[in-house]
Amino acid sequence: MSKAIYWQYNEFIQSRKEKLVKMLISEIIFLKTNIQKVRNQTEIQELKIALDKLEFLLTKLEKVSSDIPETDFDKIIMLIYGIFKVIAEKLEV
């Protein structure tokens, strides 16, 4: 039981920057995996554009030395959401 509490505590105190970096890395891996599965060139191009945007964000976050303020954290989350919304809309067509 103490390990579970320890993990929950670590998750609670983990910085916003670390959470964003982990999220971006997992989404980048997801996109790279899906690029290999897609056969349509238009879809491949859309996924590559999104991948470039997420990798750009990841690079910028890695350069920030301190934790991210809550307002900036929310903006970055909405930016990532917007990227995926555009991907979903373009791939539905």
C-alpha atoms as a PDB file:
ATOM      1  CA  MET A   1       0.000   0.000   0.000  1.00  0.00           C
ATOM      2  CA  SER A   2       2.823   2.425   0.741  1.00  0.00           C
ATOM      3  CA  LYS A   3       4.169   2.119  -2.840  1.00  0.00           C
ATOM      4  CA  ALA A   4       0.789   3.130  -4.242  1.00  0.00           C
ATOM      5  CA  ILE A   5       0.669   6.184  -1.990  1.00  0.00           C
ATOM      6  CA  TYR A   6       4.247   7.047  -2.975  1.00  0.00           C
ATOM      7  CA  TRP A   7       3.388   6.829  -6.698  1.00  0.00           C
ATOM      8  CA  GLN A   8       0.280   8.952  -6.245  1.00  0.00           C
ATOM      9  CA  TYR A   9       2.265  11.553  -4.341  1.00  0.00           C
ATOM     10  CA  ASN A  10       4.964  11.648  -7.018  1.00  0.00           C
ATOM     11  CA  GLU A  11       2.332  12.062  -9.715  1.00  0.00           C
ATOM     12  CA  PHE A  12       0.728  14.880  -7.724  1.00  0.00           C
ATOM     13  CA  ILE A  13       3.955  16.846  -7.281  1.00  0.00           C
ATOM     14  CA  GLN A  14       5.354  16.188 -10.759  1.00  0.00           C
ATOM     15  CA  SER A  15       5.940  19.470 -12.578  1.00  0.00           C
ATOM     16  CA  ARG A  16       3.739  20.702 -15.385  1.00  0.00           C
ATOM     17  CA  LYS A  17       6.694  20.759 -17.714  1.00  0.00           C
ATOM     18  CA  GLU A  18       7.454  17.084 -17.117  1.00  0.00           C
ATOM     19  CA  LYS A  19       3.807  16.167 -17.688  1.00  0.00           C
ATOM     20  CA  LEU A  20       3.722  18.076 -20.969  1.00  0.00           C
ATOM     21  CA  VAL A  21       6.982  16.544 -22.146  1.00  0.00           C
ATOM     22  CA  LYS A  22       5.733  13.034 -21.372  1.00  0.00           C
ATOM     23  CA  MET A  23       2.431  13.740 -23.098  1.00  0.00           C
ATOM     24  CA  LEU A  24       4.158  15.137 -26.188  1.00  0.00           C
ATOM     25  CA  ILE A  25       6.542  12.202 -26.382  1.00  0.00           C
ATOM     26  CA  SER A  26       3.676   9.711 -26.184  1.00  0.00           C
ATOM     27  CA  GLU A  27       1.702  11.574 -28.854  1.00  0.00           C
ATOM     28  CA  ILE A  28       4.761  11.779 -31.123  1.00  0.00           C
ATOM     29  CA  ILE A  29       5.250   8.029 -30.786  1.00  0.00           C
ATOM     30  CA  PHE A  30       1.549   7.524 -31.551  1.00  0.00           C
ATOM     31  CA  LEU A  31       1.778   9.645 -34.713  1.00  0.00           C
ATOM     32  CA  LYS A  32       4.961   7.948 -35.911  1.00  0.00           C
ATOM     33  CA  THR A  33       3.319   4.560 -35.447  1.00  0.00           C
ATOM     34  CA  ASN A  34       0.251   5.659 -37.400  1.00  0.00           C
ATOM     35  CA  ILE A  35       2.319   7.157 -40.237  1.00  0.00           C
ATOM     36  CA  GLN A  36       3.704   3.689 -40.871  1.00  0.00           C
ATOM     37  CA  LYS A  37       0.176   2.210 -41.047  1.00  0.00           C
ATOM     38  CA  VAL A  38      -1.406   4.829 -43.328  1.00  0.00           C
ATOM     39  CA  ARG A  39      -1.381   4.256 -47.096  1.00  0.00           C
ATOM     40  CA  ASN A  40      -3.013   7.507 -48.261  1.00  0.00           C
ATOM     41  CA  GLN A  41      -0.407  10.172 -49.132  1.00  0.00           C
ATOM     42  CA  THR A  42      -2.660  13.032 -48.029  1.00  0.00           C
ATOM     43  CA  GLU A  43      -3.117  11.465 -44.599  1.00  0.00           C
ATOM     44  CA  ILE A  44       0.609  10.802 -44.335  1.00  0.00           C
ATOM     45  CA  GLN A  45       1.312  14.453 -45.106  1.00  0.00           C
ATOM     46  CA  GLU A  46      -1.206  15.642 -42.500  1.00  0.00           C
ATOM     47  CA  LEU A  47       0.329  13.373 -39.855  1.00  0.00           C
ATOM     48  CA  LYS A  48       3.831  14.611 -40.739  1.00  0.00           C
ATOM     49  CA  ILE A  49       2.731  18.238 -40.357  1.00  0.00           C
ATOM     50  CA  ALA A  50       1.227  17.482 -36.943  1.00  0.00           C
ATOM     51  CA  LEU A  51       4.340  15.558 -35.970  1.00  0.00           C
ATOM     52  CA  ASP A  52       6.522  18.532 -36.882  1.00  0.00           C
ATOM     53  CA  LYS A  53       4.363  20.863 -34.773  1.00  0.00           C
ATOM     54  CA  LEU A  54       4.498  18.551 -31.745  1.00  0.00           C
ATOM     55  CA  GLU A  55       8.252  18.045 -32.089  1.00  0.00           C
ATOM     56  CA  PHE A  56       8.667  21.829 -32.275  1.00  0.00           C
ATOM     57  CA  LEU A  57       6.694  22.219 -29.031  1.00  0.00           C
ATOM     58  CA  LEU A  58       8.755  19.477 -27.409  1.00  0.00           C
ATOM     59  CA  THR A  59      11.996  21.208 -28.393  1.00  0.00           C
ATOM     60  CA  LYS A  60      10.748  24.528 -26.982  1.00  0.00           C
ATOM     61  CA  LEU A  61       9.684  22.884 -23.709  1.00  0.00           C
ATOM     62  CA  GLU A  62      13.056  21.206 -23.303  1.00  0.00           C
ATOM     63  CA  LYS A  63      14.758  24.620 -23.519  1.00  0.00           C
ATOM     64  CA  VAL A  64      12.628  26.068 -20.693  1.00  0.00           C
ATOM     65  CA  SER A  65      14.603  25.601 -17.494  1.00  0.00           C
ATOM     66  CA  SER A  66      11.848  26.234 -14.949  1.00  0.00           C
ATOM     67  CA  ASP A  67       8.341  24.957 -14.349  1.00  0.00           C
ATOM     68  CA  ILE A  68       5.584  26.393 -16.535  1.00  0.00           C
ATOM     69  CA  PRO A  69       3.097  28.869 -15.024  1.00  0.00           C
ATOM     70  CA  GLU A  70      -0.509  27.645 -14.965  1.00  0.00           C
ATOM     71  CA  THR A  71      -1.691  30.100 -17.631  1.00  0.00           C
ATOM     72  CA  ASP A  72       1.043  29.030 -20.063  1.00  0.00           C
ATOM     73  CA  PHE A  73       0.377  25.385 -19.228  1.00  0.00           C
ATOM     74  CA  ASP A  74      -3.284  25.827 -20.168  1.00  0.00           C
ATOM     75  CA  LYS A  75      -2.320  27.584 -23.425  1.00  0.00           C
ATOM     76  CA  ILE A  76       0.034  24.780 -24.409  1.00  0.00           C
ATOM     77  CA  ILE A  77      -2.596  22.142 -23.628  1.00  0.00           C
ATOM     78  CA  MET A  78      -5.109  24.014 -25.814  1.00  0.00           C
ATOM     79  CA  LEU A  79      -2.501  24.320 -28.586  1.00  0.00           C
ATOM     80  CA  ILE A  80      -1.895  20.558 -28.491  1.00  0.00           C
ATOM     81  CA  TYR A  81      -5.647  19.973 -28.462  1.00  0.00           C
ATOM     82  CA  GLY A  82      -5.979  22.248 -31.496  1.00  0.00           C
ATOM     83  CA  ILE A  83      -3.305  20.305 -33.378  1.00  0.00           C
ATOM     84  CA  PHE A  84      -5.135  17.037 -32.789  1.00  0.00           C
ATOM     85  CA  LYS A  85      -8.490  18.565 -33.637  1.00  0.00           C
ATOM     86  CA  VAL A  86      -7.131  19.678 -37.014  1.00  0.00           C
ATOM     87  CA  ILE A  87      -5.669  16.208 -37.628  1.00  0.00           C
ATOM     88  CA  ALA A  88      -8.976  14.538 -36.808  1.00  0.00           C
ATOM     89  CA  GLU A  89     -10.932  16.917 -39.044  1.00  0.00           C
ATOM     90  CA  LYS A  90      -8.594  16.450 -42.012  1.00  0.00           C
ATOM     91  CA  LEU A  91      -8.432  12.698 -41.673  1.00  0.00           C
ATOM     92  CA  GLU A  92     -12.232  12.375 -41.502  1.00  0.00           C
ATOM     93  CA  VAL A  93     -12.674  13.833 -44.982  1.00  0.00           C
END
